[in-house]
Amino acid sequence: MEYLRIGEVAQAVGVSVDTLRRWEADGRVTFERQGNQRVLPADRLGELKASLTPPRRGTSARNHLDGIVVAVTKDGVMAQVELACGDYRVVSLMSREAADELRLAPGVAATAVVKATSVMVQASTPPAP
């Protein structure tokens, strides 16, 4: 049987090793032990990823980026929510009320749904020192 070390699982799922350790303590994931290493049977990775993916609701948006909330910063009115979506980092600004209603917090599975006018920024040369 093939096993994945906790760091490999973290990379595949798009979260930190610390998040996986917290999830294990909370009973959300169960790792086996090989010596001092936490490992997951490779055939259970798909099951873990599926458990983190919220169900899709009907929408006309085509771009859905499944991920994990890694940070939420709130002030009096607004919230900044950062998601790790595989190789991508997505930051969303929303009302604090919306973030509270969605119960967004680090470690929560979420989906970034993108449907907007495209805005891209690309530096053609490195910034001057």
N, C-alpha and C. Protein backbone atom coordinates (compact mmCIF):
# COMPACT_ATOMS: atom_id res chain seq x y z
N MET A 1 0.85 -1.17 0.00
CA MET A 1 0.00 0.00 0.00
C MET A 1 0.90 1.24 0.00
N GLU A 2 0.49 2.24 -0.76
CA GLU A 2 1.25 3.49 -0.83
C GLU A 2 0.71 4.48 0.20
N TYR A 3 1.65 5.15 0.88
CA TYR A 3 1.28 6.13 1.90
C TYR A 3 1.83 7.50 1.52
N LEU A 4 1.09 8.53 1.93
CA LEU A 4 1.53 9.92 1.74
C LEU A 4 1.85 10.50 3.11
N ARG A 5 3.01 11.18 3.21
CA ARG A 5 3.35 11.85 4.46
C ARG A 5 2.46 13.07 4.63
N ILE A 6 2.34 13.54 5.85
CA ILE A 6 1.44 14.65 6.15
C ILE A 6 1.74 15.88 5.30
N GLY A 7 3.01 16.15 5.03
CA GLY A 7 3.37 17.29 4.19
C GLY A 7 2.86 17.14 2.76
N GLU A 8 2.90 15.92 2.25
CA GLU A 8 2.38 15.67 0.90
C GLU A 8 0.86 15.82 0.86
N VAL A 9 0.21 15.38 1.92
CA VAL A 9 -1.26 15.53 2.01
C VAL A 9 -1.61 17.01 2.07
N ALA A 10 -0.87 17.76 2.90
CA ALA A 10 -1.13 19.20 3.04
C ALA A 10 -1.01 19.89 1.69
N GLN A 11 0.02 19.57 0.93
CA GLN A 11 0.21 20.20 -0.38
C GLN A 11 -0.92 19.81 -1.34
N ALA A 12 -1.31 18.55 -1.32
CA ALA A 12 -2.37 18.09 -2.22
C ALA A 12 -3.71 18.72 -1.91
N VAL A 13 -3.97 18.95 -0.62
CA VAL A 13 -5.26 19.50 -0.19
C VAL A 13 -5.24 21.03 -0.22
N GLY A 14 -4.04 21.62 -0.14
CA GLY A 14 -3.93 23.08 -0.18
C GLY A 14 -4.05 23.73 1.18
N VAL A 15 -3.62 23.02 2.24
CA VAL A 15 -3.62 23.58 3.58
C VAL A 15 -2.25 23.36 4.20
N SER A 16 -2.04 23.90 5.38
CA SER A 16 -0.76 23.72 6.06
C SER A 16 -0.76 22.42 6.85
N VAL A 17 0.44 21.96 7.19
CA VAL A 17 0.58 20.79 8.05
C VAL A 17 -0.08 21.05 9.40
N ASP A 18 0.07 22.28 9.92
CA ASP A 18 -0.57 22.62 11.20
C ASP A 18 -2.09 22.48 11.12
N THR A 19 -2.69 22.89 10.00
CA THR A 19 -4.14 22.74 9.83
C THR A 19 -4.53 21.26 9.87
N LEU A 20 -3.75 20.41 9.20
CA LEU A 20 -4.06 18.98 9.22
C LEU A 20 -3.93 18.41 10.63
N ARG A 21 -2.95 18.88 11.38
CA ARG A 21 -2.81 18.41 12.77
C ARG A 21 -4.02 18.83 13.61
N ARG A 22 -4.50 20.08 13.40
CA ARG A 22 -5.70 20.54 14.11
C ARG A 22 -6.91 19.70 13.72
N TRP A 23 -7.04 19.42 12.42
CA TRP A 23 -8.16 18.61 11.96
C TRP A 23 -8.10 17.21 12.55
N GLU A 24 -6.90 16.68 12.69
CA GLU A 24 -6.76 15.36 13.29
C GLU A 24 -7.21 15.40 14.75
N ALA A 25 -6.80 16.44 15.48
CA ALA A 25 -7.21 16.59 16.89
C ALA A 25 -8.73 16.75 17.00
N ASP A 26 -9.35 17.38 15.99
CA ASP A 26 -10.80 17.59 15.99
C ASP A 26 -11.57 16.38 15.46
N GLY A 27 -10.84 15.36 14.95
CA GLY A 27 -11.49 14.17 14.41
C GLY A 27 -11.93 14.29 12.97
N ARG A 28 -11.49 15.34 12.27
CA ARG A 28 -11.90 15.52 10.87
C ARG A 28 -11.10 14.65 9.92
N VAL A 29 -9.92 14.22 10.33
CA VAL A 29 -9.09 13.34 9.52
C VAL A 29 -8.33 12.43 10.47
N THR A 30 -8.06 11.20 10.01
CA THR A 30 -7.32 10.24 10.83
C THR A 30 -6.08 9.80 10.07
N PHE A 31 -4.94 10.07 10.66
CA PHE A 31 -3.68 9.64 10.07
C PHE A 31 -3.23 8.36 10.76
N GLU A 32 -2.51 7.53 10.03
CA GLU A 32 -1.84 6.38 10.62
C GLU A 32 -0.44 6.83 11.01
N ARG A 33 0.24 6.02 11.78
CA ARG A 33 1.61 6.35 12.20
C ARG A 33 2.58 5.31 11.65
N GLN A 34 3.67 5.81 11.10
CA GLN A 34 4.80 4.98 10.73
C GLN A 34 5.98 5.57 11.48
N GLY A 35 6.29 4.98 12.62
CA GLY A 35 7.29 5.57 13.50
C GLY A 35 6.71 6.87 14.05
N ASN A 36 7.43 7.97 13.87
CA ASN A 36 6.95 9.28 14.32
C ASN A 36 6.23 10.05 13.21
N GLN A 37 6.11 9.46 12.04
CA GLN A 37 5.50 10.13 10.89
C GLN A 37 4.00 9.88 10.84
N ARG A 38 3.24 10.95 10.56
CA ARG A 38 1.82 10.81 10.26
C ARG A 38 1.72 10.52 8.77
N VAL A 39 0.98 9.49 8.41
CA VAL A 39 0.81 9.13 7.01
C VAL A 39 -0.66 8.84 6.73
N LEU A 40 -1.03 8.98 5.47
CA LEU A 40 -2.39 8.71 5.03
C LEU A 40 -2.30 7.74 3.86
N PRO A 41 -3.05 6.65 3.86
CA PRO A 41 -3.06 5.79 2.69
C PRO A 41 -3.45 6.62 1.45
N ALA A 42 -2.68 6.46 0.38
CA ALA A 42 -2.88 7.28 -0.82
C ALA A 42 -4.30 7.15 -1.37
N ASP A 43 -4.91 5.97 -1.21
CA ASP A 43 -6.26 5.80 -1.74
C ASP A 43 -7.32 6.54 -0.94
N ARG A 44 -6.96 7.13 0.22
CA ARG A 44 -7.92 7.92 1.01
C ARG A 44 -7.82 9.41 0.73
N LEU A 45 -6.87 9.84 -0.09
CA LEU A 45 -6.71 11.26 -0.38
C LEU A 45 -7.94 11.82 -1.09
N GLY A 46 -8.46 11.11 -2.06
CA GLY A 46 -9.65 11.58 -2.78
C GLY A 46 -10.84 11.75 -1.85
N GLU A 47 -10.99 10.82 -0.91
CA GLU A 47 -12.07 10.89 0.09
C GLU A 47 -11.91 12.14 0.95
N LEU A 48 -10.66 12.42 1.38
CA LEU A 48 -10.41 13.60 2.20
C LEU A 48 -10.73 14.87 1.42
N LYS A 49 -10.26 14.95 0.17
CA LYS A 49 -10.52 16.14 -0.64
C LYS A 49 -12.01 16.33 -0.87
N ALA A 50 -12.72 15.24 -1.12
CA ALA A 50 -14.17 15.34 -1.35
C ALA A 50 -14.89 15.82 -0.10
N SER A 51 -14.40 15.43 1.07
CA SER A 51 -15.06 15.85 2.31
C SER A 51 -14.87 17.34 2.57
N LEU A 52 -13.88 17.94 1.93
CA LEU A 52 -13.60 19.36 2.12
C LEU A 52 -14.29 20.24 1.09
N THR A 53 -14.84 19.63 0.06
CA THR A 53 -15.44 20.38 -1.03
C THR A 53 -16.92 20.60 -0.76
N PRO A 54 -17.33 21.86 -0.58
CA PRO A 54 -18.74 22.11 -0.34
C PRO A 54 -19.56 21.81 -1.59
N PRO A 55 -20.82 21.42 -1.43
CA PRO A 55 -21.64 21.15 -2.60
C PRO A 55 -21.85 22.42 -3.41
N ARG A 56 -21.89 22.27 -4.72
CA ARG A 56 -22.10 23.42 -5.60
C ARG A 56 -23.57 23.75 -5.68
N ARG A 57 -23.85 25.02 -5.65
CA ARG A 57 -25.22 25.48 -5.83
C ARG A 57 -25.35 25.94 -7.28
N GLY A 58 -26.57 25.95 -7.77
CA GLY A 58 -26.79 26.37 -9.14
C GLY A 58 -26.35 27.80 -9.36
N THR A 59 -25.52 28.02 -10.36
CA THR A 59 -25.04 29.35 -10.70
C THR A 59 -24.57 29.34 -12.14
N SER A 60 -24.57 30.50 -12.76
CA SER A 60 -24.09 30.58 -14.13
C SER A 60 -22.59 30.83 -14.20
N ALA A 61 -21.97 31.08 -13.06
CA ALA A 61 -20.52 31.31 -13.04
C ALA A 61 -19.80 30.01 -13.40
N ARG A 62 -18.79 30.13 -14.24
CA ARG A 62 -18.06 28.95 -14.70
C ARG A 62 -16.83 28.65 -13.85
N ASN A 63 -16.30 29.67 -13.20
CA ASN A 63 -15.04 29.50 -12.50
C ASN A 63 -15.26 29.28 -11.01
N HIS A 64 -15.08 28.05 -10.58
CA HIS A 64 -15.20 27.68 -9.17
C HIS A 64 -13.83 27.18 -8.72
N LEU A 65 -13.28 27.82 -7.71
CA LEU A 65 -11.99 27.40 -7.17
C LEU A 65 -12.21 26.89 -5.76
N ASP A 66 -12.18 25.58 -5.59
CA ASP A 66 -12.38 24.99 -4.27
C ASP A 66 -11.12 25.18 -3.45
N GLY A 67 -11.30 25.52 -2.19
CA GLY A 67 -10.14 25.74 -1.35
C GLY A 67 -10.46 25.71 0.12
N ILE A 68 -9.51 26.22 0.88
CA ILE A 68 -9.61 26.26 2.33
C ILE A 68 -9.32 27.68 2.78
N VAL A 69 -10.13 28.18 3.70
CA VAL A 69 -9.88 29.51 4.26
C VAL A 69 -8.61 29.44 5.10
N VAL A 70 -7.67 30.34 4.81
CA VAL A 70 -6.42 30.37 5.57
C VAL A 70 -6.33 31.59 6.48
N ALA A 71 -7.11 32.64 6.19
CA ALA A 71 -7.09 33.83 7.04
C ALA A 71 -8.37 34.63 6.85
N VAL A 72 -8.83 35.23 7.95
CA VAL A 72 -9.98 36.14 7.91
C VAL A 72 -9.60 37.34 8.77
N THR A 73 -9.63 38.53 8.17
CA THR A 73 -9.34 39.76 8.90
C THR A 73 -10.60 40.62 8.85
N LYS A 74 -11.12 40.98 10.03
CA LYS A 74 -12.37 41.75 10.10
C LYS A 74 -12.13 43.08 10.78
N ASP A 75 -12.84 44.10 10.30
CA ASP A 75 -12.88 45.36 11.04
C ASP A 75 -14.35 45.62 11.35
N GLY A 76 -14.72 46.84 11.57
CA GLY A 76 -16.09 47.15 11.94
C GLY A 76 -17.12 46.78 10.90
N VAL A 77 -16.80 46.97 9.62
CA VAL A 77 -17.79 46.78 8.56
C VAL A 77 -17.38 45.72 7.54
N MET A 78 -16.09 45.60 7.26
CA MET A 78 -15.61 44.73 6.18
C MET A 78 -14.82 43.54 6.71
N ALA A 79 -14.67 42.55 5.83
CA ALA A 79 -13.84 41.38 6.12
C ALA A 79 -13.01 41.07 4.89
N GLN A 80 -11.77 40.67 5.13
CA GLN A 80 -10.88 40.20 4.07
C GLN A 80 -10.69 38.71 4.31
N VAL A 81 -11.05 37.90 3.32
CA VAL A 81 -10.98 36.44 3.45
C VAL A 81 -9.97 35.92 2.44
N GLU A 82 -9.00 35.16 2.94
CA GLU A 82 -7.97 34.59 2.08
C GLU A 82 -8.19 33.09 1.98
N LEU A 83 -8.22 32.58 0.74
CA LEU A 83 -8.40 31.16 0.48
C LEU A 83 -7.15 30.59 -0.18
N ALA A 84 -6.79 29.37 0.16
CA ALA A 84 -5.78 28.61 -0.56
C ALA A 84 -6.54 27.66 -1.46
N CYS A 85 -6.43 27.88 -2.76
CA CYS A 85 -7.14 27.07 -3.75
C CYS A 85 -6.10 26.36 -4.60
N GLY A 86 -5.61 25.24 -4.12
CA GLY A 86 -4.54 24.55 -4.83
C GLY A 86 -3.31 25.43 -4.88
N ASP A 87 -2.84 25.70 -6.11
CA ASP A 87 -1.66 26.54 -6.29
C ASP A 87 -1.97 28.02 -6.22
N TYR A 88 -3.24 28.38 -6.03
CA TYR A 88 -3.65 29.78 -6.09
C TYR A 88 -4.07 30.31 -4.73
N ARG A 89 -3.80 31.59 -4.55
CA ARG A 89 -4.26 32.32 -3.37
C ARG A 89 -5.33 33.28 -3.86
N VAL A 90 -6.50 33.22 -3.25
CA VAL A 90 -7.61 34.09 -3.63
C VAL A 90 -7.98 34.93 -2.42
N VAL A 91 -8.08 36.24 -2.62
CA VAL A 91 -8.48 37.13 -1.54
C VAL A 91 -9.79 37.80 -1.93
N SER A 92 -10.75 37.76 -1.01
CA SER A 92 -12.05 38.36 -1.26
C SER A 92 -12.34 39.39 -0.18
N LEU A 93 -12.89 40.51 -0.59
CA LEU A 93 -13.36 41.52 0.34
C LEU A 93 -14.88 41.45 0.35
N MET A 94 -15.45 41.38 1.54
CA MET A 94 -16.90 41.28 1.68
C MET A 94 -17.31 41.96 2.97
N SER A 95 -18.60 42.08 3.17
CA SER A 95 -19.05 42.67 4.42
C SER A 95 -18.74 41.71 5.57
N ARG A 96 -18.51 42.28 6.73
CA ARG A 96 -18.27 41.48 7.92
C ARG A 96 -19.48 40.58 8.18
N GLU A 97 -20.67 41.14 7.96
CA GLU A 97 -21.90 40.38 8.17
C GLU A 97 -21.92 39.12 7.30
N ALA A 98 -21.51 39.25 6.03
CA ALA A 98 -21.50 38.09 5.13
C ALA A 98 -20.51 37.04 5.62
N ALA A 99 -19.33 37.47 6.03
CA ALA A 99 -18.32 36.53 6.53
C ALA A 99 -18.83 35.82 7.78
N ASP A 100 -19.50 36.55 8.65
CA ASP A 100 -20.05 35.95 9.86
C ASP A 100 -21.16 34.94 9.53
N GLU A 101 -22.05 35.31 8.61
CA GLU A 101 -23.14 34.41 8.23
C GLU A 101 -22.61 33.13 7.60
N LEU A 102 -21.53 33.23 6.83
CA LEU A 102 -20.94 32.06 6.19
C LEU A 102 -20.04 31.27 7.14
N ARG A 103 -19.83 31.82 8.34
CA ARG A 103 -18.98 31.20 9.36
C ARG A 103 -17.58 30.93 8.82
N LEU A 104 -17.04 31.92 8.10
CA LEU A 104 -15.71 31.76 7.52
C LEU A 104 -14.65 31.93 8.59
N ALA A 105 -13.76 30.96 8.67
CA ALA A 105 -12.68 30.96 9.64
C ALA A 105 -11.57 30.08 9.09
N PRO A 106 -10.33 30.25 9.53
CA PRO A 106 -9.25 29.39 9.05
C PRO A 106 -9.60 27.91 9.23
N GLY A 107 -9.33 27.15 8.15
CA GLY A 107 -9.61 25.71 8.16
C GLY A 107 -10.94 25.32 7.56
N VAL A 108 -11.81 26.29 7.29
CA VAL A 108 -13.12 26.00 6.73
C VAL A 108 -13.00 25.82 5.21
N ALA A 109 -13.61 24.78 4.68
CA ALA A 109 -13.64 24.57 3.23
C ALA A 109 -14.59 25.59 2.61
N ALA A 110 -14.17 26.17 1.50
CA ALA A 110 -14.99 27.18 0.82
C ALA A 110 -14.66 27.16 -0.67
N THR A 111 -15.50 27.78 -1.45
CA THR A 111 -15.29 27.87 -2.89
C THR A 111 -15.32 29.33 -3.31
N ALA A 112 -14.29 29.74 -4.05
CA ALA A 112 -14.28 31.08 -4.63
C ALA A 112 -14.99 30.97 -5.98
N VAL A 113 -16.07 31.71 -6.16
CA VAL A 113 -16.82 31.71 -7.40
C VAL A 113 -16.50 33.03 -8.09
N VAL A 114 -15.92 32.94 -9.29
CA VAL A 114 -15.46 34.13 -9.98
C VAL A 114 -16.29 34.35 -11.23
N LYS A 115 -16.98 35.49 -11.27
CA LYS A 115 -17.69 35.89 -12.47
C LYS A 115 -17.73 37.41 -12.46
N ALA A 116 -16.82 38.01 -13.16
CA ALA A 116 -16.71 39.46 -13.14
C ALA A 116 -15.91 39.91 -14.35
N THR A 117 -15.90 41.21 -14.55
CA THR A 117 -15.05 41.76 -15.58
C THR A 117 -13.61 41.45 -15.20
N SER A 118 -12.84 41.05 -16.16
CA SER A 118 -11.47 40.64 -15.90
C SER A 118 -10.57 41.83 -15.60
N VAL A 119 -9.82 41.73 -14.53
CA VAL A 119 -8.82 42.74 -14.17
C VAL A 119 -7.53 42.00 -13.90
N MET A 120 -6.52 42.25 -14.71
CA MET A 120 -5.23 41.57 -14.54
C MET A 120 -4.13 42.59 -14.38
N VAL A 121 -3.17 42.28 -13.54
CA VAL A 121 -2.01 43.13 -13.33
C VAL A 121 -0.79 42.25 -13.51
N GLN A 122 0.10 42.67 -14.40
CA GLN A 122 1.32 41.93 -14.62
C GLN A 122 2.47 42.90 -14.74
N ALA A 123 3.50 42.71 -13.91
CA ALA A 123 4.68 43.58 -14.01
C ALA A 123 5.54 43.08 -15.15
N SER A 124 5.89 43.97 -16.04
CA SER A 124 6.71 43.57 -17.18
C SER A 124 8.18 43.54 -16.83
N THR A 125 8.57 44.30 -15.81
CA THR A 125 9.95 44.30 -15.34
C THR A 125 9.92 44.27 -13.83
N PRO A 126 10.97 43.75 -13.21
CA PRO A 126 10.99 43.76 -11.74
C PRO A 126 10.98 45.18 -11.21
N PRO A 127 10.38 45.40 -10.04
CA PRO A 127 10.36 46.73 -9.46
C PRO A 127 11.78 47.20 -9.13
N ALA A 128 11.98 48.49 -9.26
CA ALA A 128 13.29 49.07 -8.95
C ALA A 128 13.52 49.03 -7.44
N PRO A 129 14.77 48.85 -7.01
CA PRO A 129 15.05 48.79 -5.58
C PRO A 129 14.80 50.11 -4.89
